[in-house]
N, C-alpha and C. Protein backbone atom coordinates (compact mmCIF):
# COMPACT_ATOMS: atom_id res chain seq x y z
N MET A 1 -24.92 -201.13 150.65
CA MET A 1 -25.27 -200.82 152.02
C MET A 1 -24.95 -202.00 152.92
N SER A 2 -24.70 -201.69 154.11
CA SER A 2 -24.34 -202.70 155.08
C SER A 2 -25.48 -203.69 155.29
N ASP A 3 -25.13 -204.99 155.41
CA ASP A 3 -26.14 -206.03 155.61
C ASP A 3 -26.68 -206.08 157.04
N ASP A 4 -26.00 -205.41 157.99
CA ASP A 4 -26.41 -205.54 159.39
C ASP A 4 -27.45 -204.50 159.81
N ARG A 5 -27.95 -203.71 158.88
CA ARG A 5 -29.01 -202.76 159.23
C ARG A 5 -30.00 -202.66 158.08
N LYS A 6 -31.20 -202.27 158.42
CA LYS A 6 -32.26 -202.13 157.43
C LYS A 6 -32.62 -200.66 157.32
N GLU A 7 -32.38 -200.09 156.15
CA GLU A 7 -32.74 -198.70 155.93
C GLU A 7 -34.26 -198.61 155.79
N ARG A 8 -34.84 -197.54 156.28
CA ARG A 8 -36.29 -197.40 156.29
C ARG A 8 -36.82 -196.50 155.18
N PHE A 9 -35.93 -195.92 154.41
CA PHE A 9 -36.38 -195.03 153.35
C PHE A 9 -36.61 -195.80 152.05
N THR A 10 -37.33 -195.18 151.14
CA THR A 10 -37.60 -195.78 149.83
C THR A 10 -36.29 -195.90 149.06
N PRO A 11 -35.96 -197.10 148.62
CA PRO A 11 -34.69 -197.26 147.90
C PRO A 11 -34.72 -196.53 146.56
N GLY A 12 -33.55 -196.15 146.09
CA GLY A 12 -33.43 -195.49 144.79
C GLY A 12 -33.23 -196.52 143.70
N PRO A 13 -33.00 -196.10 142.51
CA PRO A 13 -32.82 -194.70 142.15
C PRO A 13 -34.15 -193.95 142.10
N TRP A 14 -34.06 -192.64 142.31
CA TRP A 14 -35.23 -191.79 142.21
C TRP A 14 -35.11 -190.94 140.95
N ILE A 15 -36.25 -190.60 140.40
CA ILE A 15 -36.31 -189.73 139.23
C ILE A 15 -37.14 -188.51 139.59
N THR A 16 -37.08 -187.49 138.75
CA THR A 16 -37.87 -186.29 139.00
C THR A 16 -38.33 -185.66 137.69
N ASP A 17 -39.44 -184.98 137.78
CA ASP A 17 -39.92 -184.16 136.66
C ASP A 17 -39.82 -182.68 137.00
N GLY A 18 -39.13 -182.35 138.09
CA GLY A 18 -38.99 -180.98 138.55
C GLY A 18 -40.02 -180.60 139.58
N LYS A 19 -41.00 -181.47 139.83
CA LYS A 19 -42.01 -181.20 140.86
C LYS A 19 -42.15 -182.38 141.82
N PHE A 20 -42.14 -183.59 141.28
CA PHE A 20 -42.26 -184.80 142.07
C PHE A 20 -40.96 -185.60 141.98
N VAL A 21 -40.67 -186.36 143.06
CA VAL A 21 -39.46 -187.19 143.12
C VAL A 21 -39.88 -188.55 143.65
N GLY A 22 -39.40 -189.61 143.01
CA GLY A 22 -39.68 -190.96 143.51
C GLY A 22 -39.18 -192.02 142.57
N ASN A 23 -39.48 -193.27 142.91
CA ASN A 23 -39.12 -194.39 142.03
C ASN A 23 -39.83 -194.25 140.69
N THR A 24 -41.08 -193.80 140.76
CA THR A 24 -41.84 -193.42 139.58
C THR A 24 -42.52 -192.11 139.92
N LEU A 25 -42.98 -191.42 138.94
CA LEU A 25 -43.62 -190.13 139.21
C LEU A 25 -45.06 -190.30 139.68
N GLU A 26 -45.61 -191.50 139.55
CA GLU A 26 -46.95 -191.79 140.07
C GLU A 26 -46.89 -192.24 141.53
N ASP A 27 -45.78 -192.84 141.92
CA ASP A 27 -45.57 -193.33 143.28
C ASP A 27 -44.39 -192.56 143.87
N TYR A 28 -44.62 -191.29 144.14
CA TYR A 28 -43.52 -190.41 144.52
C TYR A 28 -43.28 -190.39 146.03
N VAL A 29 -42.07 -189.99 146.40
CA VAL A 29 -41.70 -189.88 147.81
C VAL A 29 -41.71 -188.43 148.28
N ALA A 30 -41.68 -187.48 147.33
CA ALA A 30 -41.66 -186.07 147.71
C ALA A 30 -42.27 -185.21 146.60
N MET A 31 -42.94 -184.16 147.03
CA MET A 31 -43.35 -183.10 146.12
C MET A 31 -42.48 -181.91 146.48
N VAL A 32 -41.82 -181.35 145.51
CA VAL A 32 -40.82 -180.32 145.75
C VAL A 32 -41.42 -178.94 145.51
N VAL A 33 -41.06 -178.00 146.37
CA VAL A 33 -41.52 -176.62 146.23
C VAL A 33 -40.30 -175.70 146.15
N GLY A 34 -40.55 -174.48 145.74
CA GLY A 34 -39.50 -173.47 145.67
C GLY A 34 -40.13 -172.14 145.33
N ASP A 35 -39.38 -171.08 145.51
CA ASP A 35 -39.88 -169.73 145.24
C ASP A 35 -39.99 -169.44 143.75
N SER A 36 -39.33 -170.23 142.92
CA SER A 36 -39.39 -170.06 141.47
C SER A 36 -39.31 -171.43 140.83
N LYS A 37 -39.62 -171.50 139.55
CA LYS A 37 -39.53 -172.76 138.82
C LYS A 37 -38.09 -173.26 138.84
N GLU A 38 -37.13 -172.37 138.66
CA GLU A 38 -35.72 -172.76 138.65
C GLU A 38 -35.30 -173.33 140.01
N GLU A 39 -35.76 -172.70 141.09
CA GLU A 39 -35.42 -173.20 142.42
C GLU A 39 -36.08 -174.56 142.67
N ARG A 40 -37.31 -174.73 142.23
CA ARG A 40 -38.01 -176.02 142.39
C ARG A 40 -37.29 -177.12 141.63
N ILE A 41 -36.85 -176.84 140.41
CA ILE A 41 -36.12 -177.83 139.62
C ILE A 41 -34.79 -178.18 140.30
N ALA A 42 -34.10 -177.16 140.83
CA ALA A 42 -32.83 -177.41 141.53
C ALA A 42 -33.06 -178.23 142.80
N ASN A 43 -34.11 -177.91 143.55
CA ASN A 43 -34.43 -178.69 144.76
C ASN A 43 -34.75 -180.13 144.40
N ALA A 44 -35.50 -180.33 143.32
CA ALA A 44 -35.88 -181.68 142.90
C ALA A 44 -34.65 -182.49 142.50
N ALA A 45 -33.71 -181.86 141.81
CA ALA A 45 -32.48 -182.57 141.42
C ALA A 45 -31.70 -183.01 142.65
N LEU A 46 -31.62 -182.14 143.65
CA LEU A 46 -30.91 -182.48 144.88
C LEU A 46 -31.60 -183.64 145.61
N VAL A 47 -32.91 -183.57 145.75
CA VAL A 47 -33.66 -184.63 146.44
C VAL A 47 -33.54 -185.94 145.69
N ALA A 48 -33.66 -185.90 144.37
CA ALA A 48 -33.60 -187.12 143.56
C ALA A 48 -32.24 -187.81 143.66
N SER A 49 -31.19 -187.05 143.93
CA SER A 49 -29.86 -187.64 144.03
C SER A 49 -29.57 -188.24 145.41
N ALA A 50 -30.46 -188.04 146.37
CA ALA A 50 -30.20 -188.48 147.75
C ALA A 50 -29.88 -189.97 147.89
N PRO A 51 -30.64 -190.88 147.26
CA PRO A 51 -30.30 -192.30 147.44
C PRO A 51 -28.91 -192.65 146.91
N GLU A 52 -28.53 -192.04 145.79
CA GLU A 52 -27.22 -192.31 145.22
C GLU A 52 -26.11 -191.73 146.11
N MET A 53 -26.33 -190.53 146.64
CA MET A 53 -25.35 -189.95 147.56
C MET A 53 -25.22 -190.80 148.81
N TYR A 54 -26.34 -191.24 149.36
CA TYR A 54 -26.32 -192.07 150.57
C TYR A 54 -25.55 -193.36 150.31
N ALA A 55 -25.85 -194.02 149.20
CA ALA A 55 -25.19 -195.29 148.90
C ALA A 55 -23.69 -195.11 148.74
N LEU A 56 -23.27 -194.04 148.09
CA LEU A 56 -21.85 -193.80 147.90
C LEU A 56 -21.16 -193.50 149.23
N LEU A 57 -21.77 -192.66 150.05
CA LEU A 57 -21.18 -192.37 151.36
C LEU A 57 -21.12 -193.62 152.24
N ASP A 58 -22.16 -194.44 152.17
CA ASP A 58 -22.17 -195.69 152.94
C ASP A 58 -21.05 -196.62 152.47
N GLU A 59 -20.85 -196.68 151.16
CA GLU A 59 -19.78 -197.51 150.61
C GLU A 59 -18.41 -197.00 151.07
N ILE A 60 -18.20 -195.68 151.00
CA ILE A 60 -16.93 -195.11 151.44
C ILE A 60 -16.72 -195.37 152.93
N ASP A 61 -17.77 -195.20 153.70
CA ASP A 61 -17.69 -195.41 155.15
C ASP A 61 -17.33 -196.85 155.51
N SER A 62 -17.71 -197.79 154.68
CA SER A 62 -17.46 -199.20 154.99
C SER A 62 -16.04 -199.64 154.64
N GLN A 63 -15.28 -198.79 153.98
CA GLN A 63 -13.91 -199.15 153.60
C GLN A 63 -12.98 -199.02 154.81
N PRO A 64 -12.25 -200.07 155.15
CA PRO A 64 -11.35 -199.99 156.30
C PRO A 64 -10.17 -199.05 156.04
N ALA A 65 -9.66 -199.05 154.83
CA ALA A 65 -8.55 -198.17 154.45
C ALA A 65 -8.53 -198.09 152.93
N MET A 66 -8.05 -196.99 152.42
CA MET A 66 -8.00 -196.82 150.97
C MET A 66 -6.63 -196.36 150.53
N GLY A 67 -6.19 -196.92 149.41
CA GLY A 67 -4.99 -196.42 148.76
C GLY A 67 -5.36 -195.25 147.86
N MET A 68 -4.37 -194.61 147.30
CA MET A 68 -4.60 -193.44 146.46
C MET A 68 -5.46 -193.78 145.24
N ASP A 69 -5.23 -194.91 144.61
CA ASP A 69 -6.03 -195.28 143.43
C ASP A 69 -7.50 -195.45 143.79
N GLU A 70 -7.77 -196.09 144.92
CA GLU A 70 -9.16 -196.24 145.36
C GLU A 70 -9.79 -194.89 145.66
N TRP A 71 -9.03 -194.03 146.33
CA TRP A 71 -9.55 -192.72 146.70
C TRP A 71 -9.86 -191.89 145.45
N VAL A 72 -9.00 -191.94 144.45
CA VAL A 72 -9.24 -191.21 143.20
C VAL A 72 -10.51 -191.73 142.54
N GLY A 73 -10.73 -193.01 142.56
CA GLY A 73 -11.96 -193.58 142.00
C GLY A 73 -13.19 -193.06 142.71
N TYR A 74 -13.12 -192.95 144.02
CA TYR A 74 -14.26 -192.40 144.77
C TYR A 74 -14.46 -190.93 144.47
N VAL A 75 -13.38 -190.17 144.33
CA VAL A 75 -13.50 -188.75 144.03
C VAL A 75 -14.23 -188.56 142.70
N VAL A 76 -13.91 -189.37 141.72
CA VAL A 76 -14.59 -189.30 140.42
C VAL A 76 -16.08 -189.57 140.59
N ARG A 77 -16.43 -190.59 141.37
CA ARG A 77 -17.84 -190.92 141.61
C ARG A 77 -18.54 -189.84 142.41
N VAL A 78 -17.87 -189.27 143.41
CA VAL A 78 -18.45 -188.18 144.20
C VAL A 78 -18.74 -186.99 143.29
N ASN A 79 -17.81 -186.65 142.42
CA ASN A 79 -18.02 -185.53 141.50
C ASN A 79 -19.22 -185.78 140.58
N ALA A 80 -19.41 -187.01 140.14
CA ALA A 80 -20.55 -187.34 139.28
C ALA A 80 -21.87 -187.18 140.05
N VAL A 81 -21.90 -187.63 141.30
CA VAL A 81 -23.12 -187.50 142.10
C VAL A 81 -23.41 -186.02 142.40
N LEU A 82 -22.38 -185.24 142.70
CA LEU A 82 -22.59 -183.81 142.94
C LEU A 82 -23.12 -183.12 141.68
N LYS A 83 -22.61 -183.52 140.53
CA LYS A 83 -23.09 -182.95 139.27
C LYS A 83 -24.58 -183.26 139.08
N LYS A 84 -24.97 -184.49 139.39
CA LYS A 84 -26.38 -184.87 139.32
C LYS A 84 -27.22 -184.05 140.30
N ALA A 85 -26.71 -183.87 141.53
CA ALA A 85 -27.43 -183.11 142.56
C ALA A 85 -27.62 -181.65 142.14
N ARG A 86 -26.67 -181.14 141.37
CA ARG A 86 -26.79 -179.76 140.88
C ARG A 86 -27.63 -179.66 139.62
N GLY A 87 -28.13 -180.81 139.13
CA GLY A 87 -28.95 -180.82 137.92
C GLY A 87 -28.16 -180.66 136.65
N GLU A 88 -26.89 -181.00 136.70
CA GLU A 88 -26.01 -180.84 135.54
C GLU A 88 -25.91 -182.09 134.68
N SER A 89 -26.58 -183.16 135.06
CA SER A 89 -26.55 -184.37 134.25
C SER A 89 -27.90 -185.01 134.17
């Protein structure tokens, strides 16, 4: 993250048990709800991946220009974060 600003949210990584999300499950940042257990688990996975998604987008945004090799590396990382957000990892 950029050194010239201070983010106000709880830094990651965050973990989840399918109901709570946070640095630890005792000191959580969110309690997740949903119409079904499956929806709650999916919502929790998405919320838990937020700090990682933010950090990756911030890193990409800070790049002045990228060559194809750099871009491919970011695409691989983006796909990994999306997989985590979908609860696939």
